[in-house]
Structure formats: structure tokens, C-alpha cells
Amino acid sequence: MSFLRKHSFKIAVLALCAAMGIYLLYMYGPKKAEPLPLLQAAPAFEMNDIDGKPVSLESTNGKVRIVYFYFANCPDVCPPTTFMLGEAQDILREQGTLGDKVELISITFDPERDTPDAIRQFAERTSVDTDGWHFLRGEEEATIQLARDFEVGVIKVEKENTFAHFNVITLVDQNGQIREWINGNDEELTPEYIVQQINKLL
């Protein structure tokens, strides 16, 4: 009893320090990643890749998918966003999930000009490869509607033969559910963030 009275102040300080440590660990320590919400079912599609092979939402089920709508003649957002996705592709390859667990799918709005050769040249310009990455082509009107069904706004500007569109990266889980729309125009967006969000689904 005399020991407790003699050292009561020290004990109180130690208890306070322990409580503060627990609080700081709770507030700022490592946390379990919050799961991504279920937003909506991804629209079904089937198109050919640049090698003429059919690829569909169903055929890629069981993998996390990054879906991106673009066109190769895009004068602004598509090339840098595709380049960033290529950097994410490199990280996925390094961590061993590219292809087996994660695939990228890019779908062109402009199949008339985006021939397989034109798409290969676009991929080369943006420093990406087709390892674990499907570049798909379909009918223009159907693709525009598909993009809208993915909540990616797009309008064809007939006079200039171009497309105005939202720059959105869509994360689709293994079961075909959309889990996140990522703003490709966000100046703070990094390939590491994209991979971080993908890893929440693995």
C-alpha cells in the first residue's frame, strides 16, 4: 500500500502515457483497408480485341478489371491517362497479379479510325503493352451507349469528328460489379492509388 502511495504520481503518468499511446495508435496507426462499396452491375459487352479474339465481361469474370473508354486521336486526356494505367500495369506485373487476377480493358469510341494497327501505334506511343490488357473495338453507336451505361458521358462532335467524354477509370470486381469510378482528371491521381484500390478487391 505504501508503495502505491509513494509512486502514485508515476503510476498515473504511465497510465496516461499508455492511454495516449493507444489513442494515437487508433487514430493514426495502420488501419484495415475499407472495402469498396457495391455501386451497380457492370453492363454486359462482347467485342473483338486487336487480334480479332472475342472478349466479354463474362469471359473475364473471376478477375478484377480496369475499364477505360478512350479514342486514339484524343487530343488531351486519353494519352496521359493510358500512360498512367501503363504505370499501374507495371506495378501489377511486379506484384504478380497482372493477367491472373487483374486485367485492363480499354474500349475505343472510334472504331472506324482506331484500326488494330492504329491502336497498336497508340499503345506504343503511350508506352504500354497488351500483356494483361485488352484493347477492344465494337460498333460506334453501341460503344457510345455502352459507355453511357457505365456512367461515362460521351458525345460525338460530328463537325470536328471527335468525341467529348468524361475521363473515368472504372473498377469492376470479379463478379462483374462496379466498385469505384476514378476521376482520371484528378491532378493528384497516381498509379499507386489505382493499384491500392485494386488490391482492396483481391
Foldseek 3Di string as FASTA:
>chain_A
DVVCVVCVVVVVVVVVVVVVVVVCCVVPNDDDDDFFDFDFFQDWDWFAFLVRDIDIPVVQFQAKEKEWEEALPDPDQVLVLVLQVQVLLVVCVVVPCQPPHYAYEYEYLCPVPPHSVSVVVSCVVSVHDCRRYTYGYDDNVVVQVSCVSVVKHKDQPVVVRHMDIFGWIWIAANHRTTRDIDRSPPPPDGSVVVNVNSVSRD
